[in-house]
Amino acid sequence: MDRSKERNFNKSVQAWIKKYGHVTNHEDKWTPGVADISWAVQGFEGWIELKVQPQPVDFALKWQYLLRPYQLPWLCDRERHGGDVWVMYQMITRGRDYRGVPTSTNSLCYVAFKPFWLKEREDKGDTLFKLLKTEEKNRFITDDFDTMMKRLITKS
């Protein structure tokens, strides 16, 4: 994977949160499994694991996500004990936009979901997860970064 794309995505998310509150980056070799970012804004606190889909994907395949095997247990444990935890993907869909509408160009979109909706399947050292449920309160998808951040962070 191109780590520079994920670093840039991380910086964009941190910069957005800093406008409204406090953010800490936890992406390091000493705390494997811990979500990339924790934040506190307007009386809410939470965690976000950030991922970037490095290559354009067909719309039909976009509900599959790669995580490290040790990441999902931490994310689910934190959520189970009352944490506000999200996995947020930046991806490019090929042939359709984020709503499934056909398009002749690639389309950038953002997907965020609660970690407990994932089902695990081993895949070459990483773990491939497939989203099981798509209840609106536990999943957001949009092509607008600002809209995504507002939904996750400020609850608006």
C-alpha atoms as a PDB file:
ATOM      1  CA  MET A   1       0.000   0.000   0.000  1.00  0.00           C
ATOM      2  CA  ASP A   2       1.077   3.565  -0.653  1.00  0.00           C
ATOM      3  CA  ARG A   3       1.688   4.840   2.911  1.00  0.00           C
ATOM      4  CA  SER A   4       1.926   8.451   1.695  1.00  0.00           C
ATOM      5  CA  LYS A   5      -1.774   8.428   0.685  1.00  0.00           C
ATOM      6  CA  GLU A   6      -2.770   7.191   4.132  1.00  0.00           C
ATOM      7  CA  ARG A   7      -0.490   9.772   5.813  1.00  0.00           C
ATOM      8  CA  ASN A   8      -2.064  12.559   3.744  1.00  0.00           C
ATOM      9  CA  PHE A   9      -5.549  11.325   4.622  1.00  0.00           C
ATOM     10  CA  ASN A  10      -4.530  11.212   8.301  1.00  0.00           C
ATOM     11  CA  LYS A  11      -3.242  14.803   8.120  1.00  0.00           C
ATOM     12  CA  SER A  12      -6.480  15.989   6.477  1.00  0.00           C
ATOM     13  CA  VAL A  13      -8.605  14.364   9.186  1.00  0.00           C
ATOM     14  CA  GLN A  14      -6.422  15.790  11.968  1.00  0.00           C
ATOM     15  CA  ALA A  15      -6.486  19.285  10.451  1.00  0.00           C
ATOM     16  CA  TRP A  16     -10.289  19.200  10.241  1.00  0.00           C
ATOM     17  CA  ILE A  17     -10.677  18.069  13.859  1.00  0.00           C
ATOM     18  CA  LYS A  18      -8.149  20.670  15.132  1.00  0.00           C
ATOM     19  CA  LYS A  19     -10.465  23.439  13.883  1.00  0.00           C
ATOM     20  CA  TYR A  20     -13.100  22.301  16.404  1.00  0.00           C
ATOM     21  CA  GLY A  21     -11.320  20.515  19.246  1.00  0.00           C
ATOM     22  CA  HIS A  22      -8.465  18.254  20.313  1.00  0.00           C
ATOM     23  CA  VAL A  23      -6.924  15.436  18.265  1.00  0.00           C
ATOM     24  CA  THR A  24      -4.120  12.934  18.948  1.00  0.00           C
ATOM     25  CA  ASN A  25      -2.387  10.711  16.420  1.00  0.00           C
ATOM     26  CA  HIS A  26      -1.771   7.176  17.748  1.00  0.00           C
ATOM     27  CA  GLU A  27      -0.219   5.707  14.615  1.00  0.00           C
ATOM     28  CA  ASP A  28       3.081   4.240  15.780  1.00  0.00           C
ATOM     29  CA  LYS A  29       4.899   0.912  16.157  1.00  0.00           C
ATOM     30  CA  TRP A  30       4.458   0.841  19.950  1.00  0.00           C
ATOM     31  CA  THR A  31       0.674   0.534  20.059  1.00  0.00           C
ATOM     32  CA  PRO A  32      -0.420  -1.955  17.384  1.00  0.00           C
ATOM     33  CA  GLY A  33      -4.160  -2.301  16.986  1.00  0.00           C
ATOM     34  CA  VAL A  34      -5.030   1.070  18.534  1.00  0.00           C
ATOM     35  CA  ALA A  35      -7.062   3.302  16.214  1.00  0.00           C
ATOM     36  CA  ASP A  36      -5.064   5.938  14.323  1.00  0.00           C
ATOM     37  CA  ILE A  37      -6.726   9.003  15.837  1.00  0.00           C
ATOM     38  CA  SER A  38      -8.514   9.933  19.053  1.00  0.00           C
ATOM     39  CA  TRP A  39     -10.462  13.166  19.329  1.00  0.00           C
ATOM     40  CA  ALA A  40     -12.535  15.331  21.672  1.00  0.00           C
ATOM     41  CA  VAL A  41     -14.947  17.914  20.252  1.00  0.00           C
ATOM     42  CA  GLN A  42     -17.924  19.687  21.852  1.00  0.00           C
ATOM     43  CA  GLY A  43     -18.208  17.206  24.719  1.00  0.00           C
ATOM     44  CA  PHE A  44     -17.846  14.101  22.551  1.00  0.00           C
ATOM     45  CA  GLU A  45     -14.810  11.811  22.377  1.00  0.00           C
ATOM     46  CA  GLY A  46     -13.990   9.067  19.922  1.00  0.00           C
ATOM     47  CA  TRP A  47     -11.550   7.050  17.861  1.00  0.00           C
ATOM     48  CA  ILE A  48     -11.086   6.638  14.100  1.00  0.00           C
ATOM     49  CA  GLU A  49      -9.110   3.959  12.258  1.00  0.00           C
ATOM     50  CA  LEU A  50      -8.189   5.438   8.864  1.00  0.00           C
ATOM     51  CA  LYS A  51      -7.683   3.443   5.678  1.00  0.00           C
ATOM     52  CA  VAL A  52      -7.073   4.364   2.065  1.00  0.00           C
ATOM     53  CA  GLN A  53      -8.042   2.048  -0.762  1.00  0.00           C
ATOM     54  CA  PRO A  54      -4.911   2.422  -2.929  1.00  0.00           C
ATOM     55  CA  GLN A  55      -6.450   1.445  -6.281  1.00  0.00           C
ATOM     56  CA  PRO A  56      -9.842   2.201  -7.824  1.00  0.00           C
ATOM     57  CA  VAL A  57     -12.338  -0.577  -7.069  1.00  0.00           C
ATOM     58  CA  ASP A  58     -15.453  -1.735  -8.844  1.00  0.00           C
ATOM     59  CA  PHE A  59     -18.549  -0.477  -7.054  1.00  0.00           C
ATOM     60  CA  ALA A  60     -19.710  -4.036  -6.334  1.00  0.00           C
ATOM     61  CA  LEU A  61     -16.482  -4.818  -4.447  1.00  0.00           C
ATOM     62  CA  LYS A  62     -16.297  -1.690  -2.334  1.00  0.00           C
ATOM     63  CA  TRP A  63     -17.804  -3.293   0.771  1.00  0.00           C
ATOM     64  CA  GLN A  64     -14.625  -5.274   1.459  1.00  0.00           C
ATOM     65  CA  TYR A  65     -11.984  -3.761   3.731  1.00  0.00           C
ATOM     66  CA  LEU A  66      -8.463  -4.704   4.744  1.00  0.00           C
ATOM     67  CA  LEU A  67      -7.407  -4.436   8.375  1.00  0.00           C
ATOM     68  CA  ARG A  68      -4.521  -5.991  10.261  1.00  0.00           C
ATOM     69  CA  PRO A  69      -5.557  -9.065  12.304  1.00  0.00           C
ATOM     70  CA  TYR A  70      -4.852  -7.295  15.619  1.00  0.00           C
ATOM     71  CA  GLN A  71      -6.859  -4.153  14.764  1.00  0.00           C
ATOM     72  CA  LEU A  72     -10.422  -5.475  14.887  1.00  0.00           C
ATOM     73  CA  PRO A  73     -10.238  -6.844  18.480  1.00  0.00           C
ATOM     74  CA  TRP A  74      -9.047  -3.482  19.831  1.00  0.00           C
ATOM     75  CA  LEU A  75     -11.659  -1.532  17.857  1.00  0.00           C
ATOM     76  CA  CYS A  76     -14.509  -3.842  18.936  1.00  0.00           C
ATOM     77  CA  ASP A  77     -13.395  -3.936  22.598  1.00  0.00           C
ATOM     78  CA  ARG A  78     -13.258  -0.141  22.751  1.00  0.00           C
ATOM     79  CA  GLU A  79     -16.715   0.116  21.161  1.00  0.00           C
ATOM     80  CA  ARG A  80     -18.165  -2.589  23.435  1.00  0.00           C
ATOM     81  CA  HIS A  81     -17.030  -0.623  26.508  1.00  0.00           C
ATOM     82  CA  GLY A  82     -18.705   2.594  25.423  1.00  0.00           C
ATOM     83  CA  GLY A  83     -16.155   4.167  23.096  1.00  0.00           C
ATOM     84  CA  ASP A  84     -17.289   5.943  19.936  1.00  0.00           C
ATOM     85  CA  VAL A  85     -15.208   4.040  17.372  1.00  0.00           C
ATOM     86  CA  TRP A  86     -15.308   4.306  13.578  1.00  0.00           C
ATOM     87  CA  VAL A  87     -13.387   2.798  10.668  1.00  0.00           C
ATOM     88  CA  MET A  88     -13.161   5.412   7.908  1.00  0.00           C
ATOM     89  CA  TYR A  89     -12.123   4.563   4.365  1.00  0.00           C
ATOM     90  CA  GLN A  90     -11.157   6.884   1.555  1.00  0.00           C
ATOM     91  CA  MET A  91     -11.641   5.111  -1.752  1.00  0.00           C
ATOM     92  CA  ILE A  92     -12.124   5.579  -5.431  1.00  0.00           C
ATOM     93  CA  THR A  93     -14.932   3.630  -7.052  1.00  0.00           C
ATOM     94  CA  ARG A  94     -14.739   2.755 -10.720  1.00  0.00           C
ATOM     95  CA  GLY A  95     -17.782   2.935 -13.002  1.00  0.00           C
ATOM     96  CA  ARG A  96     -20.279   4.197 -10.380  1.00  0.00           C
ATOM     97  CA  ASP A  97     -20.414   6.959  -7.813  1.00  0.00           C
ATOM     98  CA  TYR A  98     -20.944   6.367  -4.082  1.00  0.00           C
ATOM     99  CA  ARG A  99     -24.724   6.023  -4.572  1.00  0.00           C
ATOM    100  CA  GLY A 100     -24.281   3.370  -7.253  1.00  0.00           C
ATOM    101  CA  VAL A 101     -25.146   5.720 -10.119  1.00  0.00           C
ATOM    102  CA  PRO A 102     -23.200   4.835 -13.309  1.00  0.00           C
ATOM    103  CA  THR A 103     -20.471   7.304 -14.248  1.00  0.00           C
ATOM    104  CA  SER A 104     -17.761   7.384 -16.904  1.00  0.00           C
ATOM    105  CA  THR A 105     -15.116   8.623 -14.441  1.00  0.00           C
ATOM    106  CA  ASN A 106     -13.645   7.339 -11.206  1.00  0.00           C
ATOM    107  CA  SER A 107     -15.345   8.736  -8.123  1.00  0.00           C
ATOM    108  CA  LEU A 108     -13.777   9.587  -4.748  1.00  0.00           C
ATOM    109  CA  CYS A 109     -15.875   8.673  -1.735  1.00  0.00           C
ATOM    110  CA  TYR A 110     -15.653   8.219   2.029  1.00  0.00           C
ATOM    111  CA  VAL A 111     -17.143   5.305   3.923  1.00  0.00           C
ATOM    112  CA  ALA A 112     -17.341   5.091   7.720  1.00  0.00           C
ATOM    113  CA  PHE A 113     -18.797   2.286   9.798  1.00  0.00           C
ATOM    114  CA  LYS A 114     -18.805   0.810  13.288  1.00  0.00           C
ATOM    115  CA  PRO A 115     -16.257  -2.047  13.645  1.00  0.00           C
ATOM    116  CA  PHE A 116     -18.683  -4.647  15.023  1.00  0.00           C
ATOM    117  CA  TRP A 117     -20.428  -4.966  11.637  1.00  0.00           C
ATOM    118  CA  LEU A 118     -17.432  -6.727  10.097  1.00  0.00           C
ATOM    119  CA  LYS A 119     -17.025 -10.413   9.318  1.00  0.00           C
ATOM    120  CA  GLU A 120     -13.474 -11.715   9.084  1.00  0.00           C
ATOM    121  CA  ARG A 121     -11.777 -13.695   6.301  1.00  0.00           C
ATOM    122  CA  GLU A 122      -8.006 -14.282   6.040  1.00  0.00           C
ATOM    123  CA  ASP A 123      -6.313 -12.809   2.974  1.00  0.00           C
ATOM    124  CA  LYS A 124      -2.516 -12.848   2.467  1.00  0.00           C
ATOM    125  CA  GLY A 125      -1.383 -11.754   5.936  1.00  0.00           C
ATOM    126  CA  ASP A 126      -3.974  -9.027   6.331  1.00  0.00           C
ATOM    127  CA  THR A 127      -7.564  -9.761   7.117  1.00  0.00           C
ATOM    128  CA  LEU A 128     -10.282  -9.023   4.630  1.00  0.00           C
ATOM    129  CA  PHE A 129     -13.531  -7.939   6.223  1.00  0.00           C
ATOM    130  CA  LYS A 130     -16.936  -7.791   4.655  1.00  0.00           C
ATOM    131  CA  LEU A 131     -19.570  -5.445   6.012  1.00  0.00           C
ATOM    132  CA  LEU A 132     -22.480  -7.500   7.347  1.00  0.00           C
ATOM    133  CA  LYS A 133     -25.105  -4.875   8.119  1.00  0.00           C
ATOM    134  CA  THR A 134     -25.755  -1.471   6.653  1.00  0.00           C
ATOM    135  CA  GLU A 135     -28.022   0.270   9.179  1.00  0.00           C
ATOM    136  CA  GLU A 136     -27.821   4.004   8.504  1.00  0.00           C
ATOM    137  CA  LYS A 137     -26.944   4.921  12.105  1.00  0.00           C
ATOM    138  CA  ASN A 138     -23.853   2.665  11.936  1.00  0.00           C
ATOM    139  CA  ARG A 139     -22.679   3.450   8.399  1.00  0.00           C
ATOM    140  CA  PHE A 140     -22.142   6.651   6.435  1.00  0.00           C
ATOM    141  CA  ILE A 141     -21.097   7.046   2.830  1.00  0.00           C
ATOM    142  CA  THR A 142     -20.603  10.297   0.956  1.00  0.00           C
ATOM    143  CA  ASP A 143     -18.405  11.945  -1.644  1.00  0.00           C
ATOM    144  CA  ASP A 144     -17.953  15.052   0.542  1.00  0.00           C
ATOM    145  CA  PHE A 145     -15.160  15.004   3.142  1.00  0.00           C
ATOM    146  CA  ASP A 146     -16.649  17.860   5.189  1.00  0.00           C
ATOM    147  CA  THR A 147     -20.028  16.114   5.414  1.00  0.00           C
ATOM    148  CA  MET A 148     -18.378  12.889   6.580  1.00  0.00           C
ATOM    149  CA  MET A 149     -16.357  14.630   9.273  1.00  0.00           C
ATOM    150  CA  LYS A 150     -19.393  16.533  10.581  1.00  0.00           C
ATOM    151  CA  ARG A 151     -21.376  13.310  10.876  1.00  0.00           C
ATOM    152  CA  LEU A 152     -18.618  11.484  12.765  1.00  0.00           C
ATOM    153  CA  ILE A 153     -17.209  14.226  14.950  1.00  0.00           C
ATOM    154  CA  THR A 154     -19.862  16.841  15.669  1.00  0.00           C
ATOM    155  CA  LYS A 155     -22.833  14.452  15.402  1.00  0.00           C
ATOM    156  CA  SER A 156     -24.643  16.873  13.083  1.00  0.00           C
END
